[in-house]
C-alpha atoms as a PDB file:
ATOM      1  CA  MET A   1      -0.044  -0.008  -0.076  1.00  0.00           C
ATOM      2  CA  SER A   2       1.439   3.325  -0.977  1.00  0.00           C
ATOM      3  CA  SER A   3       1.592   6.127   1.667  1.00  0.00           C
ATOM      4  CA  SER A   4      -1.145   8.179  -0.225  1.00  0.00           C
ATOM      5  CA  GLN A   5      -3.467   5.456   0.077  1.00  0.00           C
ATOM      6  CA  LEU A   6      -3.063   5.437   3.934  1.00  0.00           C
ATOM      7  CA  THR A   7      -6.174   7.644   5.064  1.00  0.00           C
ATOM      8  CA  ASN A   8      -8.131   6.020   7.561  1.00  0.00           C
ATOM      9  CA  ARG A   9      -7.812   6.368  11.155  1.00  0.00           C
ATOM     10  CA  GLU A  10      -6.454   2.990  11.987  1.00  0.00           C
ATOM     11  CA  ASP A  11      -4.101   2.987   8.958  1.00  0.00           C
ATOM     12  CA  VAL A  12      -2.772   6.578  10.171  1.00  0.00           C
ATOM     13  CA  ARG A  13      -2.191   5.004  13.674  1.00  0.00           C
ATOM     14  CA  GLU A  14      -0.409   1.796  12.509  1.00  0.00           C
ATOM     15  CA  PHE A  15       1.726   4.042  10.127  1.00  0.00           C
ATOM     16  CA  VAL A  16       2.796   6.507  13.023  1.00  0.00           C
ATOM     17  CA  LYS A  17       3.327   3.518  15.471  1.00  0.00           C
ATOM     18  CA  ALA A  18       5.675   1.877  13.093  1.00  0.00           C
ATOM     19  CA  ARG A  19       7.656   4.943  12.511  1.00  0.00           C
ATOM     20  CA  TYR A  20       8.009   6.038  15.977  1.00  0.00           C
ATOM     21  CA  GLY A  21       8.668   2.592  17.180  1.00  0.00           C
ATOM     22  CA  ALA A  22      11.738   2.439  14.776  1.00  0.00           C
ATOM     23  CA  ALA A  23      12.848   5.915  16.045  1.00  0.00           C
ATOM     24  CA  ALA A  24      12.825   4.610  19.637  1.00  0.00           C
ATOM     25  CA  LEU A  25      14.740   1.505  18.600  1.00  0.00           C
ATOM     26  CA  THR A  26      17.364   3.662  17.004  1.00  0.00           C
ATOM     27  CA  VAL A  27      18.026   5.151  20.439  1.00  0.00           C
ATOM     28  CA  LEU A  28      17.537   1.919  22.424  1.00  0.00           C
ATOM     29  CA  ASN A  29      20.164   0.095  20.373  1.00  0.00           C
ATOM     30  CA  GLY A  30      22.594   3.023  20.473  1.00  0.00           C
ATOM     31  CA  ASN A  31      22.381   3.985  17.200  1.00  0.00           C
ATOM     32  CA  GLY A  32      22.134   7.672  17.804  1.00  0.00           C
ATOM     33  CA  GLN A  33      19.477  10.238  17.396  1.00  0.00           C
ATOM     34  CA  ALA A  34      16.043   9.204  16.466  1.00  0.00           C
ATOM     35  CA  SER A  35      14.416  10.286  13.318  1.00  0.00           C
ATOM     36  CA  CYS A  36      10.637  11.137  12.792  1.00  0.00           C
ATOM     37  CA  CYS A  37      11.148  10.512   8.989  1.00  0.00           C
ATOM     38  CA  ASN A  38      12.603   7.238   8.792  1.00  0.00           C
ATOM     39  CA  GLY A  39      13.633   5.871  11.926  1.00  0.00           C
ATOM     40  CA  GLN A  40      17.140   6.449  11.288  1.00  0.00           C
ATOM     41  CA  GLY A  41      19.626   9.012  12.752  1.00  0.00           C
ATOM     42  CA  SER A  42      19.890  11.858  10.339  1.00  0.00           C
ATOM     43  CA  SER A  43      19.349  15.521  10.285  1.00  0.00           C
ATOM     44  CA  CYS A  44      15.795  15.253  10.624  1.00  0.00           C
ATOM     45  CA  CYS A  45      14.886  15.923  14.243  1.00  0.00           C
ATOM     46  CA  SER A  46      18.476  16.618  15.084  1.00  0.00           C
ATOM     47  CA  ASP A  47      19.842  19.357  16.955  1.00  0.00           C
ATOM     48  CA  SER A  48      20.159  21.395  13.615  1.00  0.00           C
ATOM     49  CA  ASP A  49      16.890  20.422  12.405  1.00  0.00           C
ATOM     50  CA  PRO A  50      14.506  23.579  12.137  1.00  0.00           C
ATOM     51  CA  ILE A  51      11.442  21.877  13.376  1.00  0.00           C
ATOM     52  CA  SER A  52      12.596  19.847  16.209  1.00  0.00           C
ATOM     53  CA  GLY A  53      16.137  20.873  16.770  1.00  0.00           C
ATOM     54  CA  ASP A  54      17.340  23.141  19.805  1.00  0.00           C
ATOM     55  CA  LEU A  55      14.258  23.121  21.666  1.00  0.00           C
ATOM     56  CA  TYR A  56      15.630  22.271  25.180  1.00  0.00           C
ATOM     57  CA  SER A  57      17.939  24.685  27.321  1.00  0.00           C
ATOM     58  CA  ASN A  58      21.190  23.323  28.454  1.00  0.00           C
ATOM     59  CA  THR A  59      19.796  23.400  31.946  1.00  0.00           C
ATOM     60  CA  ASP A  60      16.820  21.084  30.816  1.00  0.00           C
ATOM     61  CA  ALA A  61      19.240  18.662  28.888  1.00  0.00           C
ATOM     62  CA  SER A  62      21.334  18.316  32.055  1.00  0.00           C
ATOM     63  CA  GLN A  63      18.558  17.311  34.115  1.00  0.00           C
ATOM     64  CA  ILE A  64      17.470  14.098  32.185  1.00  0.00           C
ATOM     65  CA  PRO A  65      19.105  11.009  30.683  1.00  0.00           C
ATOM     66  CA  GLU A  66      20.827  11.701  27.194  1.00  0.00           C
ATOM     67  CA  ALA A  67      18.475   8.923  25.849  1.00  0.00           C
ATOM     68  CA  ALA A  68      15.338  10.929  26.418  1.00  0.00           C
ATOM     69  CA  LEU A  69      16.892  13.835  24.645  1.00  0.00           C
ATOM     70  CA  LEU A  70      17.883  11.737  21.856  1.00  0.00           C
ATOM     71  CA  ALA A  71      14.439  10.450  21.303  1.00  0.00           C
ATOM     72  CA  SER A  72      12.727  13.852  21.350  1.00  0.00           C
ATOM     73  CA  LEU A  73      10.787  14.322  18.233  1.00  0.00           C
ATOM     74  CA  GLY A  74       8.705  17.308  19.280  1.00  0.00           C
ATOM     75  CA  CYS A  75       8.347  20.730  17.937  1.00  0.00           C
ATOM     76  CA  GLY A  76       8.359  22.824  21.056  1.00  0.00           C
ATOM     77  CA  ASN A  77       9.055  22.557  24.896  1.00  0.00           C
ATOM     78  CA  PRO A  78       5.569  22.433  26.665  1.00  0.00           C
ATOM     79  CA  THR A  79       7.127  21.985  29.998  1.00  0.00           C
ATOM     80  CA  ALA A  80       8.815  25.489  29.767  1.00  0.00           C
ATOM     81  CA  LEU A  81       5.549  27.043  28.875  1.00  0.00           C
ATOM     82  CA  ALA A  82       2.974  25.347  30.857  1.00  0.00           C
ATOM     83  CA  ALA A  83       3.781  27.119  34.320  1.00  0.00           C
ATOM     84  CA  LEU A  84       3.714  24.008  36.224  1.00  0.00           C
ATOM     85  CA  LYS A  85       3.438  24.213  39.840  1.00  0.00           C
ATOM     86  CA  GLU A  86       4.524  22.237  42.874  1.00  0.00           C
ATOM     87  CA  GLY A  87       1.914  19.414  43.734  1.00  0.00           C
ATOM     88  CA  GLU A  88       0.320  19.345  40.385  1.00  0.00           C
ATOM     89  CA  THR A  89      -0.751  16.201  38.339  1.00  0.00           C
ATOM     90  CA  VAL A  90       0.556  16.292  34.839  1.00  0.00           C
ATOM     91  CA  LEU A  91      -0.445  14.058  31.773  1.00  0.00           C
ATOM     92  CA  ASP A  92       1.668  14.134  28.709  1.00  0.00           C
ATOM     93  CA  LEU A  93      -0.243  12.893  25.568  1.00  0.00           C
ATOM     94  CA  GLY A  94       2.163  10.930  23.337  1.00  0.00           C
ATOM     95  CA  SER A  95       5.046  10.816  25.777  1.00  0.00           C
ATOM     96  CA  GLY A  96       7.613   9.086  23.571  1.00  0.00           C
ATOM     97  CA  GLY A  97      10.936   8.673  25.239  1.00  0.00           C
ATOM     98  CA  GLY A  98       9.659  10.631  28.428  1.00  0.00           C
ATOM     99  CA  ILE A  99      11.585  13.786  28.197  1.00  0.00           C
ATOM    100  CA  ASP A 100       8.452  16.220  28.804  1.00  0.00           C
ATOM    101  CA  VAL A 101       7.308  13.774  31.423  1.00  0.00           C
ATOM    102  CA  LEU A 102      10.806  13.633  33.383  1.00  0.00           C
ATOM    103  CA  LEU A 103      11.127  17.491  33.001  1.00  0.00           C
ATOM    104  CA  SER A 104       7.523  18.028  34.368  1.00  0.00           C
ATOM    105  CA  ALA A 105       8.116  15.503  37.335  1.00  0.00           C
ATOM    106  CA  ARG A 106      11.100  17.780  38.397  1.00  0.00           C
ATOM    107  CA  ARG A 107       8.788  20.855  38.115  1.00  0.00           C
ATOM    108  CA  VAL A 108       6.000  19.579  40.259  1.00  0.00           C
ATOM    109  CA  GLY A 109       8.145  18.087  42.849  1.00  0.00           C
ATOM    110  CA  PRO A 110       7.694  15.152  45.017  1.00  0.00           C
ATOM    111  CA  THR A 111       4.249  16.085  46.053  1.00  0.00           C
ATOM    112  CA  GLY A 112       3.113  16.259  42.404  1.00  0.00           C
ATOM    113  CA  PHE A 113       3.005  13.420  39.770  1.00  0.00           C
ATOM    114  CA  ALA A 114       3.707  12.985  36.064  1.00  0.00           C
ATOM    115  CA  TYR A 115       1.922  10.431  33.707  1.00  0.00           C
ATOM    116  CA  GLY A 116       2.982   9.658  30.093  1.00  0.00           C
ATOM    117  CA  LEU A 117       0.787   8.103  27.739  1.00  0.00           C
ATOM    118  CA  ASP A 118       1.906   6.623  24.452  1.00  0.00           C
ATOM    119  CA  MET A 119       0.943   3.642  22.212  1.00  0.00           C
ATOM    120  CA  THR A 120       4.271   2.307  20.970  1.00  0.00           C
ATOM    121  CA  ASP A 121       5.895  -0.439  23.097  1.00  0.00           C
ATOM    122  CA  GLU A 122       9.368   0.491  22.053  1.00  0.00           C
ATOM    123  CA  MET A 123       8.813   4.187  22.867  1.00  0.00           C
ATOM    124  CA  LEU A 124       7.314   2.843  26.438  1.00  0.00           C
ATOM    125  CA  ALA A 125      10.445   0.614  27.100  1.00  0.00           C
ATOM    126  CA  LEU A 126      12.867   3.477  26.252  1.00  0.00           C
ATOM    127  CA  ALA A 127      10.674   5.922  28.542  1.00  0.00           C
ATOM    128  CA  GLU A 128      10.717   3.496  31.585  1.00  0.00           C
ATOM    129  CA  LYS A 129      14.564   3.086  31.015  1.00  0.00           C
ATOM    130  CA  ASN A 130      15.079   6.712  31.128  1.00  0.00           C
ATOM    131  CA  ARG A 131      12.715   7.021  34.285  1.00  0.00           C
ATOM    132  CA  LEU A 132      14.805   4.275  36.083  1.00  0.00           C
ATOM    133  CA  GLU A 133      18.137   6.239  35.086  1.00  0.00           C
ATOM    134  CA  ALA A 134      16.799   9.557  36.316  1.00  0.00           C
ATOM    135  CA  GLY A 135      15.477   7.833  39.515  1.00  0.00           C
ATOM    136  CA  ALA A 136      12.030   9.626  39.097  1.00  0.00           C
ATOM    137  CA  GLU A 137       9.594   7.962  41.579  1.00  0.00           C
ATOM    138  CA  ASN A 138       6.642  10.495  40.838  1.00  0.00           C
ATOM    139  CA  VAL A 139       6.340   9.139  37.202  1.00  0.00           C
ATOM    140  CA  LYS A 140       4.081   6.436  35.432  1.00  0.00           C
ATOM    141  CA  PHE A 141       3.995   5.543  31.957  1.00  0.00           C
ATOM    142  CA  LEU A 142       0.703   4.352  30.430  1.00  0.00           C
ATOM    143  CA  LYS A 143      -0.015   2.293  27.413  1.00  0.00           C
ATOM    144  CA  GLY A 144      -3.145   3.550  25.435  1.00  0.00           C
ATOM    145  CA  HIS A 145      -4.191   5.870  22.836  1.00  0.00           C
ATOM    146  CA  ILE A 146      -4.626   9.644  23.243  1.00  0.00           C
ATOM    147  CA  GLU A 147      -8.246   9.204  21.872  1.00  0.00           C
ATOM    148  CA  GLU A 148      -8.911   6.943  24.830  1.00  0.00           C
ATOM    149  CA  ILE A 149      -7.000   8.304  27.992  1.00  0.00           C
ATOM    150  CA  PRO A 150      -6.740   5.328  30.565  1.00  0.00           C
ATOM    151  CA  LEU A 151      -7.515   7.913  33.493  1.00  0.00           C
ATOM    152  CA  PRO A 152     -10.599   8.835  35.404  1.00  0.00           C
ATOM    153  CA  ASP A 153     -12.497  12.174  34.958  1.00  0.00           C
ATOM    154  CA  ALA A 154     -11.098  15.195  36.642  1.00  0.00           C
ATOM    155  CA  SER A 155      -7.838  13.594  37.581  1.00  0.00           C
ATOM    156  CA  VAL A 156      -5.154  15.683  36.305  1.00  0.00           C
ATOM    157  CA  ASP A 157      -4.423  19.535  36.581  1.00  0.00           C
ATOM    158  CA  VAL A 158      -2.438  20.036  33.461  1.00  0.00           C
ATOM    159  CA  ILE A 159      -2.472  18.298  29.927  1.00  0.00           C
ATOM    160  CA  ILE A 160       0.962  18.660  27.969  1.00  0.00           C
ATOM    161  CA  SER A 161       1.706  17.204  24.516  1.00  0.00           C
ATOM    162  CA  ASN A 162       4.642  17.696  22.181  1.00  0.00           C
ATOM    163  CA  CYS A 163       3.700  17.666  18.282  1.00  0.00           C
ATOM    164  CA  VAL A 164       1.311  14.527  18.687  1.00  0.00           C
ATOM    165  CA  ILE A 165      -2.260  15.817  18.517  1.00  0.00           C
ATOM    166  CA  ASN A 166      -1.632  16.500  14.892  1.00  0.00           C
ATOM    167  CA  LEU A 167      -0.829  13.011  14.165  1.00  0.00           C
ATOM    168  CA  SER A 168      -4.348  11.624  15.503  1.00  0.00           C
ATOM    169  CA  GLY A 169      -6.961  10.503  12.990  1.00  0.00           C
ATOM    170  CA  ASP A 170      -9.746  11.726  15.537  1.00  0.00           C
ATOM    171  CA  LYS A 171      -8.625  15.125  16.942  1.00  0.00           C
ATOM    172  CA  ASP A 172     -11.970  15.789  18.031  1.00  0.00           C
ATOM    173  CA  LEU A 173     -11.981  12.865  20.372  1.00  0.00           C
ATOM    174  CA  VAL A 174      -8.590  13.641  21.674  1.00  0.00           C
ATOM    175  CA  LEU A 175      -9.690  17.149  22.857  1.00  0.00           C
ATOM    176  CA  ALA A 176     -13.034  15.732  24.356  1.00  0.00           C
ATOM    177  CA  GLU A 177     -10.986  13.231  26.349  1.00  0.00           C
ATOM    178  CA  ALA A 178      -8.506  15.804  27.357  1.00  0.00           C
ATOM    179  CA  ILE A 179     -11.136  18.034  28.866  1.00  0.00           C
ATOM    180  CA  ARG A 180     -12.645  14.948  30.409  1.00  0.00           C
ATOM    181  CA  VAL A 181      -9.686  13.961  32.490  1.00  0.00           C
ATOM    182  CA  LEU A 182      -8.825  17.582  33.513  1.00  0.00           C
ATOM    183  CA  LYS A 183     -10.013  18.849  36.769  1.00  0.00           C
ATOM    184  CA  PRO A 184     -12.405  21.910  36.867  1.00  0.00           C
ATOM    185  CA  GLY A 185     -10.013  24.965  36.174  1.00  0.00           C
ATOM    186  CA  GLY A 186      -7.365  22.552  34.744  1.00  0.00           C
ATOM    187  CA  ARG A 187      -5.129  23.480  31.867  1.00  0.00           C
ATOM    188  CA  PHE A 188      -4.513  22.399  28.379  1.00  0.00           C
ATOM    189  CA  ALA A 189      -1.037  23.452  27.451  1.00  0.00           C
ATOM    190  CA  VAL A 190       0.284  21.592  24.233  1.00  0.00           C
ATOM    191  CA  SER A 191       2.986  22.381  21.565  1.00  0.00           C
ATOM    192  CA  ASP A 192       1.654  21.413  18.204  1.00  0.00           C
ATOM    193  CA  VAL A 193       2.309  22.077  14.394  1.00  0.00           C
ATOM    194  CA  VAL A 194      -0.415  24.389  13.205  1.00  0.00           C
ATOM    195  CA  ILE A 195      -1.436  25.685   9.712  1.00  0.00           C
ATOM    196  CA  ASP A 196      -1.945  29.403   9.259  1.00  0.00           C
ATOM    197  CA  GLY A 197      -4.058  29.411   6.245  1.00  0.00           C
ATOM    198  CA  GLU A 198      -3.996  26.427   3.884  1.00  0.00           C
ATOM    199  CA  ILE A 199      -1.538  23.912   2.364  1.00  0.00           C
ATOM    200  CA  PRO A 200      -1.498  22.134  -0.846  1.00  0.00           C
ATOM    201  CA  ASP A 201      -3.279  18.955  -1.068  1.00  0.00           C
ATOM    202  CA  VAL A 202      -0.478  17.074  -2.215  1.00  0.00           C
ATOM    203  CA  VAL A 203       1.082  17.834   1.176  1.00  0.00           C
ATOM    204  CA  ARG A 204      -2.058  16.974   2.977  1.00  0.00           C
ATOM    205  CA  LYS A 205      -2.150  13.567   1.295  1.00  0.00           C
ATOM    206  CA  ASP A 206       1.474  12.362   1.793  1.00  0.00           C
ATOM    207  CA  MET A 207       1.845  10.282   4.705  1.00  0.00           C
ATOM    208  CA  GLU A 208       5.571  10.998   5.023  1.00  0.00           C
ATOM    209  CA  ALA A 209       4.597  14.522   5.812  1.00  0.00           C
ATOM    210  CA  TYR A 210       1.870  13.113   8.213  1.00  0.00           C
ATOM    211  CA  VAL A 211       4.513  11.377  10.220  1.00  0.00           C
ATOM    212  CA  GLY A 212       6.576  14.445  10.042  1.00  0.00           C
ATOM    213  CA  CYS A 213       3.770  16.545  11.791  1.00  0.00           C
ATOM    214  CA  VAL A 214       2.712  18.589   8.727  1.00  0.00           C
ATOM    215  CA  ALA A 215      -0.084  16.726   6.878  1.00  0.00           C
ATOM    216  CA  GLY A 216      -2.199  16.265   9.862  1.00  0.00           C
ATOM    217  CA  ALA A 217      -1.872  19.846  11.378  1.00  0.00           C
ATOM    218  CA  LEU A 218      -5.067  21.686  11.965  1.00  0.00           C
ATOM    219  CA  GLU A 219      -5.700  25.097  10.511  1.00  0.00           C
ATOM    220  CA  ARG A 220      -5.468  27.786  13.324  1.00  0.00           C
ATOM    221  CA  THR A 221      -8.932  28.963  13.369  1.00  0.00           C
ATOM    222  CA  ASP A 222     -10.226  25.207  13.102  1.00  0.00           C
ATOM    223  CA  TYR A 223      -8.005  24.418  16.102  1.00  0.00           C
ATOM    224  CA  ILE A 224      -9.553  27.079  18.128  1.00  0.00           C
ATOM    225  CA  SER A 225     -13.165  26.318  17.124  1.00  0.00           C
ATOM    226  CA  ARG A 226     -12.563  22.630  17.885  1.00  0.00           C
ATOM    227  CA  LEU A 227     -11.300  23.449  21.456  1.00  0.00           C
ATOM    228  CA  GLU A 228     -14.069  25.695  22.150  1.00  0.00           C
ATOM    229  CA  SER A 229     -16.625  23.158  20.876  1.00  0.00           C
ATOM    230  CA  VAL A 230     -15.528  20.418  23.453  1.00  0.00           C
ATOM    231  CA  GLY A 231     -15.828  23.212  26.343  1.00  0.00           C
ATOM    232  CA  PHE A 232     -12.565  24.810  26.630  1.00  0.00           C
ATOM    233  CA  GLU A 233     -12.346  28.582  27.437  1.00  0.00           C
ATOM    234  CA  ASN A 234      -9.459  31.188  27.317  1.00  0.00           C
ATOM    235  CA  VAL A 235      -8.368  29.551  24.066  1.00  0.00           C
ATOM    236  CA  SER A 236      -5.322  30.857  22.469  1.00  0.00           C
ATOM    237  CA  ILE A 237      -2.614  30.255  19.968  1.00  0.00           C
ATOM    238  CA  GLU A 238       0.744  31.487  20.282  1.00  0.00           C
ATOM    239  CA  PRO A 239       3.292  30.807  17.286  1.00  0.00           C
ATOM    240  CA  THR A 240       6.661  29.947  18.642  1.00  0.00           C
ATOM    241  CA  ARG A 241       8.290  29.166  15.237  1.00  0.00           C
ATOM    242  CA  ARG A 242       7.359  29.875  11.487  1.00  0.00           C
ATOM    243  CA  TYR A 243       8.978  27.517   9.045  1.00  0.00           C
ATOM    244  CA  LEU A 244      10.085  28.171   5.429  1.00  0.00           C
ATOM    245  CA  PHE A 245       9.551  25.442   2.826  1.00  0.00           C
ATOM    246  CA  SER A 246      13.098  24.747   2.893  1.00  0.00           C
ATOM    247  CA  ASP A 247      12.718  23.773   6.702  1.00  0.00           C
ATOM    248  CA  LEU A 248       9.972  21.332   5.607  1.00  0.00           C
ATOM    249  CA  GLU A 249      11.980  19.757   2.860  1.00  0.00           C
ATOM    250  CA  GLN A 250      14.772  19.091   5.613  1.00  0.00           C
ATOM    251  CA  SER A 251      12.488  17.839   7.975  1.00  0.00           C
ATOM    252  CA  CYS A 252       9.662  15.786   6.945  1.00  0.00           C
ATOM    253  CA  CYS A 253       8.022  15.929   3.400  1.00  0.00           C
ATOM    254  CA  SER A 254       8.754  13.022   1.189  1.00  0.00           C
ATOM    255  CA  THR A 255      10.588  13.542  -2.101  1.00  0.00           C
ATOM    256  CA  GLU A 256       7.501  12.402  -4.059  1.00  0.00           C
ATOM    257  CA  ALA A 257       5.448  15.417  -2.325  1.00  0.00           C
ATOM    258  CA  ILE A 258       7.951  17.761  -2.723  1.00  0.00           C
ATOM    259  CA  ALA A 259       8.400  17.003  -6.596  1.00  0.00           C
ATOM    260  CA  ARG A 260       4.719  17.555  -7.334  1.00  0.00           C
ATOM    261  CA  LEU A 261       4.765  21.204  -5.944  1.00  0.00           C
ATOM    262  CA  SER A 262       5.261  24.076  -8.372  1.00  0.00           C
ATOM    263  CA  GLU A 263       7.661  26.787  -7.113  1.00  0.00           C
ATOM    264  CA  THR A 264       4.712  29.067  -6.629  1.00  0.00           C
ATOM    265  CA  GLU A 265       3.271  26.569  -4.253  1.00  0.00           C
ATOM    266  CA  ARG A 266       6.702  26.191  -2.363  1.00  0.00           C
ATOM    267  CA  THR A 267       6.927  29.965  -2.027  1.00  0.00           C
ATOM    268  CA  ALA A 268       3.526  30.083  -0.740  1.00  0.00           C
ATOM    269  CA  LEU A 269       4.071  27.939   2.056  1.00  0.00           C
ATOM    270  CA  ASP A 270       6.715  30.079   3.707  1.00  0.00           C
ATOM    271  CA  GLY A 271       5.773  31.027   7.124  1.00  0.00           C
ATOM    272  CA  ARG A 272       2.420  28.960   6.735  1.00  0.00           C
ATOM    273  CA  VAL A 273       3.274  26.104   8.697  1.00  0.00           C
ATOM    274  CA  MET A 274       4.322  26.876  12.325  1.00  0.00           C
ATOM    275  CA  GLY A 275       5.088  25.466  15.690  1.00  0.00           C
ATOM    276  CA  ALA A 276       2.879  26.912  18.243  1.00  0.00           C
ATOM    277  CA  PHE A 277       1.714  26.861  21.896  1.00  0.00           C
ATOM    278  CA  ILE A 278      -2.035  26.044  22.308  1.00  0.00           C
ATOM    279  CA  ARG A 279      -3.704  26.993  25.518  1.00  0.00           C
ATOM    280  CA  GLY A 280      -7.067  26.448  27.023  1.00  0.00           C
ATOM    281  CA  THR A 281      -8.701  26.199  30.435  1.00  0.00           C
ATOM    282  CA  LYS A 282     -11.587  23.829  31.579  1.00  0.00           C
ATOM    283  CA  PRO A 283     -14.246  25.875  33.180  1.00  0.00           C
ATOM    284  CA  ALA A 284     -14.040  25.943  37.010  1.00  0.00           C
ATOM    285  CA  ALA A 285     -17.571  25.655  37.395  1.00  0.00           C
END
């Protein structure tokens, strides 16, 4: 089956799982930095990558195992933007190798707790290895899907996520689950790729770009509307990075998709795809 034929929710999930599982194995096997594009260490998702590189400060990097940093495939640093407080309970949707969970656990302290939720066995194995190395006792990694969060209603104070919600085939269900598990007054504070306007259909349909966090991204006003429709208030989207088309070529779009775009379409993409911090609050009442 070609990547362009992978369009239904279950196919998207399996395609994403395979790619991110391969990325985790790259790190677990000691073969260098994970790649969101092909599971092999490369410039994609490396420190020099314009989308996923250079997201964590030297202070953050020094507080966690190296393998957690090597497995990071995100587009932001939600732990630095979520204003976590001592004693809070945090849930990371799509926690991968555990970098944001471990950083969150340090920020909420011993009276707080940090959950990580991931569907990929290899990533969960890597995350648990990193947890043990970090000596983090206020952390638990859960296996499951972000569309079906295995936690009770009103059980967490803050939900974070790092470039994962865009990968879901049912984003409305993800957002509905997020507000369900948040306590009244709880905060939704995620990093994600967002589209400011529209992008060519050829990129939307290309599954290599989907796993690279572009094709599945929501348009900005659509994202806001979906958050409000499930009940979030005080919704905002703050751009943190805007990408040139050349950035996307280096990071995620497959050669097939790039070749089918005209020069005008490429130029029109400049600045239209962005990394952003998305906020919302569950009503206190």
